[in-house]
Amino acid sequence: MASAKPEGANTKLVRAMFQAGESMNVNNFVKFYADDSRYQFGNFPVAHGPQGIVDASEGFIKTVKKVVHHIDNIWEIDDEIVVVEMTVTYDRFDGKSFTLPCCDTIRIKNGKVQDLKIFMNIDPVFAA
């Protein structure tokens, strides 16, 4: 049986980024992003750079009280690419909770997220 490979710097960065996202303070989260980064959440328009992520998060922050990432698998594909398979639990302010499947691909350059693609259908969280 092969022993587990120690986590690399990019895996640690991704885990810290998710933890910052769980703080529900988008300014903590965007510190992980390069100025020219791209952030694509499902079918929503691409957000560009930290300010674009802040702007795109306004409606989310008003709807969701708490987020928890439950990582099932995380792979460092090479020196830049990390893939994360997980479920994410969203608790809304109205008391409803949703746990949804998700897969992210993350490209990291110079210690910052350059590109994040979130493959998830978050529609149930925003449904009436």
C-alpha atoms as a PDB file:
ATOM      1  CA  MET A   1       0.000   0.000   0.000  1.00  0.00           C
ATOM      2  CA  ALA A   2       1.405   3.385  -1.013  1.00  0.00           C
ATOM      3  CA  SER A   3       1.841   5.959   1.698  1.00  0.00           C
ATOM      4  CA  ALA A   4       0.120   9.326   1.389  1.00  0.00           C
ATOM      5  CA  LYS A   5       2.175  12.030  -0.259  1.00  0.00           C
ATOM      6  CA  PRO A   6       2.693  15.086   1.965  1.00  0.00           C
ATOM      7  CA  GLU A   7       0.575  18.091   1.023  1.00  0.00           C
ATOM      8  CA  GLY A   8       2.291  20.563  -1.234  1.00  0.00           C
ATOM      9  CA  ALA A   9       2.242  24.344  -0.924  1.00  0.00           C
ATOM     10  CA  ASN A  10      -0.591  24.690  -3.451  1.00  0.00           C
ATOM     11  CA  THR A  11      -2.819  22.230  -1.571  1.00  0.00           C
ATOM     12  CA  LYS A  12      -2.159  24.130   1.653  1.00  0.00           C
ATOM     13  CA  LEU A  13      -2.991  27.409  -0.107  1.00  0.00           C
ATOM     14  CA  VAL A  14      -6.285  25.981  -1.426  1.00  0.00           C
ATOM     15  CA  ARG A  15      -7.281  24.685   2.016  1.00  0.00           C
ATOM     16  CA  ALA A  16      -6.484  28.114   3.539  1.00  0.00           C
ATOM     17  CA  MET A  17      -8.502  29.823   0.770  1.00  0.00           C
ATOM     18  CA  PHE A  18     -11.555  27.666   1.533  1.00  0.00           C
ATOM     19  CA  GLN A  19     -11.158  28.386   5.251  1.00  0.00           C
ATOM     20  CA  ALA A  20     -11.035  32.109   4.483  1.00  0.00           C
ATOM     21  CA  GLY A  21     -14.215  31.717   2.420  1.00  0.00           C
ATOM     22  CA  GLU A  22     -15.888  30.071   5.402  1.00  0.00           C
ATOM     23  CA  SER A  23     -15.248  33.242   7.416  1.00  0.00           C
ATOM     24  CA  MET A  24     -18.022  34.838   5.295  1.00  0.00           C
ATOM     25  CA  ASN A  25     -15.803  37.902   4.871  1.00  0.00           C
ATOM     26  CA  VAL A  26     -15.115  38.153   1.150  1.00  0.00           C
ATOM     27  CA  ASN A  27     -12.128  40.445   1.800  1.00  0.00           C
ATOM     28  CA  ASN A  28     -10.376  37.560   3.605  1.00  0.00           C
ATOM     29  CA  PHE A  29     -11.106  35.302   0.613  1.00  0.00           C
ATOM     30  CA  VAL A  30      -9.913  37.604  -2.175  1.00  0.00           C
ATOM     31  CA  LYS A  31      -6.459  38.021  -0.593  1.00  0.00           C
ATOM     32  CA  PHE A  32      -5.637  34.655  -2.222  1.00  0.00           C
ATOM     33  CA  TYR A  33      -6.260  35.967  -5.775  1.00  0.00           C
ATOM     34  CA  ALA A  34      -3.895  37.603  -8.261  1.00  0.00           C
ATOM     35  CA  ASP A  35      -4.856  41.056  -9.539  1.00  0.00           C
ATOM     36  CA  ASP A  36      -5.519  39.598 -13.020  1.00  0.00           C
ATOM     37  CA  SER A  37      -7.267  36.439 -11.804  1.00  0.00           C
ATOM     38  CA  ARG A  38     -10.397  34.832 -13.257  1.00  0.00           C
ATOM     39  CA  TYR A  39     -13.152  33.398 -11.026  1.00  0.00           C
ATOM     40  CA  GLN A  40     -15.880  31.311 -12.691  1.00  0.00           C
ATOM     41  CA  PHE A  41     -18.679  29.988 -10.443  1.00  0.00           C
ATOM     42  CA  GLY A  42     -20.908  27.611 -12.404  1.00  0.00           C
ATOM     43  CA  ASN A  43     -22.921  29.462 -15.054  1.00  0.00           C
ATOM     44  CA  PHE A  44     -22.437  32.907 -13.499  1.00  0.00           C
ATOM     45  CA  PRO A  45     -20.410  35.503 -15.423  1.00  0.00           C
ATOM     46  CA  VAL A  46     -16.649  35.368 -14.949  1.00  0.00           C
ATOM     47  CA  ALA A  47     -15.387  37.713 -12.230  1.00  0.00           C
ATOM     48  CA  HIS A  48     -12.030  39.359 -12.896  1.00  0.00           C
ATOM     49  CA  GLY A  49      -9.611  40.144 -10.085  1.00  0.00           C
ATOM     50  CA  PRO A  50     -10.270  40.546  -6.363  1.00  0.00           C
ATOM     51  CA  GLN A  51     -12.658  43.496  -6.802  1.00  0.00           C
ATOM     52  CA  GLY A  52     -14.661  41.576  -9.384  1.00  0.00           C
ATOM     53  CA  ILE A  53     -15.032  38.705  -6.901  1.00  0.00           C
ATOM     54  CA  VAL A  54     -16.160  41.136  -4.188  1.00  0.00           C
ATOM     55  CA  ASP A  55     -18.746  42.654  -6.549  1.00  0.00           C
ATOM     56  CA  ALA A  56     -19.994  39.218  -7.695  1.00  0.00           C
ATOM     57  CA  SER A  57     -20.384  38.047  -4.076  1.00  0.00           C
ATOM     58  CA  GLU A  58     -22.833  40.715  -2.905  1.00  0.00           C
ATOM     59  CA  GLY A  59     -26.022  38.682  -3.430  1.00  0.00           C
ATOM     60  CA  PHE A  60     -24.436  35.529  -2.061  1.00  0.00           C
ATOM     61  CA  ILE A  61     -23.394  37.208   1.211  1.00  0.00           C
ATOM     62  CA  LYS A  62     -26.960  38.497   1.710  1.00  0.00           C
ATOM     63  CA  THR A  63     -28.447  35.000   1.215  1.00  0.00           C
ATOM     64  CA  VAL A  64     -25.960  32.609   2.858  1.00  0.00           C
ATOM     65  CA  LYS A  65     -25.100  32.731   6.556  1.00  0.00           C
ATOM     66  CA  LYS A  66     -22.539  29.902   6.625  1.00  0.00           C
ATOM     67  CA  VAL A  67     -20.484  27.799   4.182  1.00  0.00           C
ATOM     68  CA  VAL A  68     -18.533  24.614   4.967  1.00  0.00           C
ATOM     69  CA  HIS A  69     -16.333  22.789   2.434  1.00  0.00           C
ATOM     70  CA  HIS A  70     -16.136  18.997   2.949  1.00  0.00           C
ATOM     71  CA  ILE A  71     -13.124  17.944   0.865  1.00  0.00           C
ATOM     72  CA  ASP A  72     -13.258  14.335  -0.355  1.00  0.00           C
ATOM     73  CA  ASN A  73     -10.210  14.439  -2.631  1.00  0.00           C
ATOM     74  CA  ILE A  74      -7.592  17.004  -3.502  1.00  0.00           C
ATOM     75  CA  TRP A  75      -4.966  16.474  -6.173  1.00  0.00           C
ATOM     76  CA  GLU A  76      -1.963  18.554  -7.203  1.00  0.00           C
ATOM     77  CA  ILE A  77      -1.833  17.752 -10.909  1.00  0.00           C
ATOM     78  CA  ASP A  78       1.395  19.669 -11.514  1.00  0.00           C
ATOM     79  CA  ASP A  79       3.170  22.782 -10.193  1.00  0.00           C
ATOM     80  CA  GLU A  80       0.175  25.004 -11.010  1.00  0.00           C
ATOM     81  CA  ILE A  81      -3.035  22.948 -11.083  1.00  0.00           C
ATOM     82  CA  VAL A  82      -5.049  21.687  -8.104  1.00  0.00           C
ATOM     83  CA  VAL A  83      -8.333  19.768  -8.468  1.00  0.00           C
ATOM     84  CA  VAL A  84     -10.719  19.488  -5.508  1.00  0.00           C
ATOM     85  CA  GLU A  85     -13.666  17.099  -5.245  1.00  0.00           C
ATOM     86  CA  MET A  86     -16.007  17.934  -2.375  1.00  0.00           C
ATOM     87  CA  THR A  87     -19.451  18.688  -1.101  1.00  0.00           C
ATOM     88  CA  VAL A  88     -20.275  22.159   0.156  1.00  0.00           C
ATOM     89  CA  THR A  89     -22.877  22.934   2.804  1.00  0.00           C
ATOM     90  CA  TYR A  90     -24.694  26.266   2.568  1.00  0.00           C
ATOM     91  CA  ASP A  91     -26.822  27.494   5.483  1.00  0.00           C
ATOM     92  CA  ARG A  92     -29.161  30.307   4.503  1.00  0.00           C
ATOM     93  CA  PHE A  93     -30.370  33.035   6.824  1.00  0.00           C
ATOM     94  CA  ASP A  94     -33.894  31.549   6.652  1.00  0.00           C
ATOM     95  CA  GLY A  95     -32.666  28.325   8.299  1.00  0.00           C
ATOM     96  CA  LYS A  96     -32.630  26.145   5.162  1.00  0.00           C
ATOM     97  CA  SER A  97     -29.472  24.122   4.531  1.00  0.00           C
ATOM     98  CA  PHE A  98     -28.151  22.548   1.327  1.00  0.00           C
ATOM     99  CA  THR A  99     -25.194  20.194   0.800  1.00  0.00           C
ATOM    100  CA  LEU A 100     -24.206  20.089  -2.854  1.00  0.00           C
ATOM    101  CA  PRO A 101     -21.545  18.249  -4.894  1.00  0.00           C
ATOM    102  CA  CYS A 102     -18.749  20.366  -6.309  1.00  0.00           C
ATOM    103  CA  CYS A 103     -15.497  20.045  -8.230  1.00  0.00           C
ATOM    104  CA  ASP A 104     -13.042  22.933  -8.539  1.00  0.00           C
ATOM    105  CA  THR A 105     -10.054  23.365 -10.800  1.00  0.00           C
ATOM    106  CA  ILE A 106      -7.592  25.937  -9.536  1.00  0.00           C
ATOM    107  CA  ARG A 107      -4.530  27.350 -11.278  1.00  0.00           C
ATOM    108  CA  ILE A 108      -1.942  28.943  -9.006  1.00  0.00           C
ATOM    109  CA  LYS A 109       0.994  31.118 -10.060  1.00  0.00           C
ATOM    110  CA  ASN A 110       3.488  32.790  -7.750  1.00  0.00           C
ATOM    111  CA  GLY A 111       1.518  31.828  -4.642  1.00  0.00           C
ATOM    112  CA  LYS A 112      -1.772  33.388  -5.823  1.00  0.00           C
ATOM    113  CA  VAL A 113      -4.878  31.925  -7.435  1.00  0.00           C
ATOM    114  CA  GLN A 114      -4.780  32.832 -11.117  1.00  0.00           C
ATOM    115  CA  ASP A 115      -7.887  30.953 -12.216  1.00  0.00           C
ATOM    116  CA  LEU A 116     -10.701  29.189 -10.334  1.00  0.00           C
ATOM    117  CA  LYS A 117     -13.452  27.243 -12.058  1.00  0.00           C
ATOM    118  CA  ILE A 118     -16.226  25.944  -9.800  1.00  0.00           C
ATOM    119  CA  PHE A 119     -18.294  23.142 -11.319  1.00  0.00           C
ATOM    120  CA  MET A 120     -21.491  23.150  -9.264  1.00  0.00           C
ATOM    121  CA  ASN A 121     -25.199  23.810  -9.587  1.00  0.00           C
ATOM    122  CA  ILE A 122     -25.895  26.228  -6.741  1.00  0.00           C
ATOM    123  CA  ASP A 123     -29.471  26.951  -7.939  1.00  0.00           C
ATOM    124  CA  PRO A 124     -31.127  25.175  -4.945  1.00  0.00           C
ATOM    125  CA  VAL A 125     -29.490  27.660  -2.543  1.00  0.00           C
ATOM    126  CA  PHE A 126     -31.135  30.604  -4.324  1.00  0.00           C
ATOM    127  CA  ALA A 127     -34.508  28.931  -4.979  1.00  0.00           C
ATOM    128  CA  ALA A 128     -37.491  30.354  -3.050  1.00  0.00           C
END
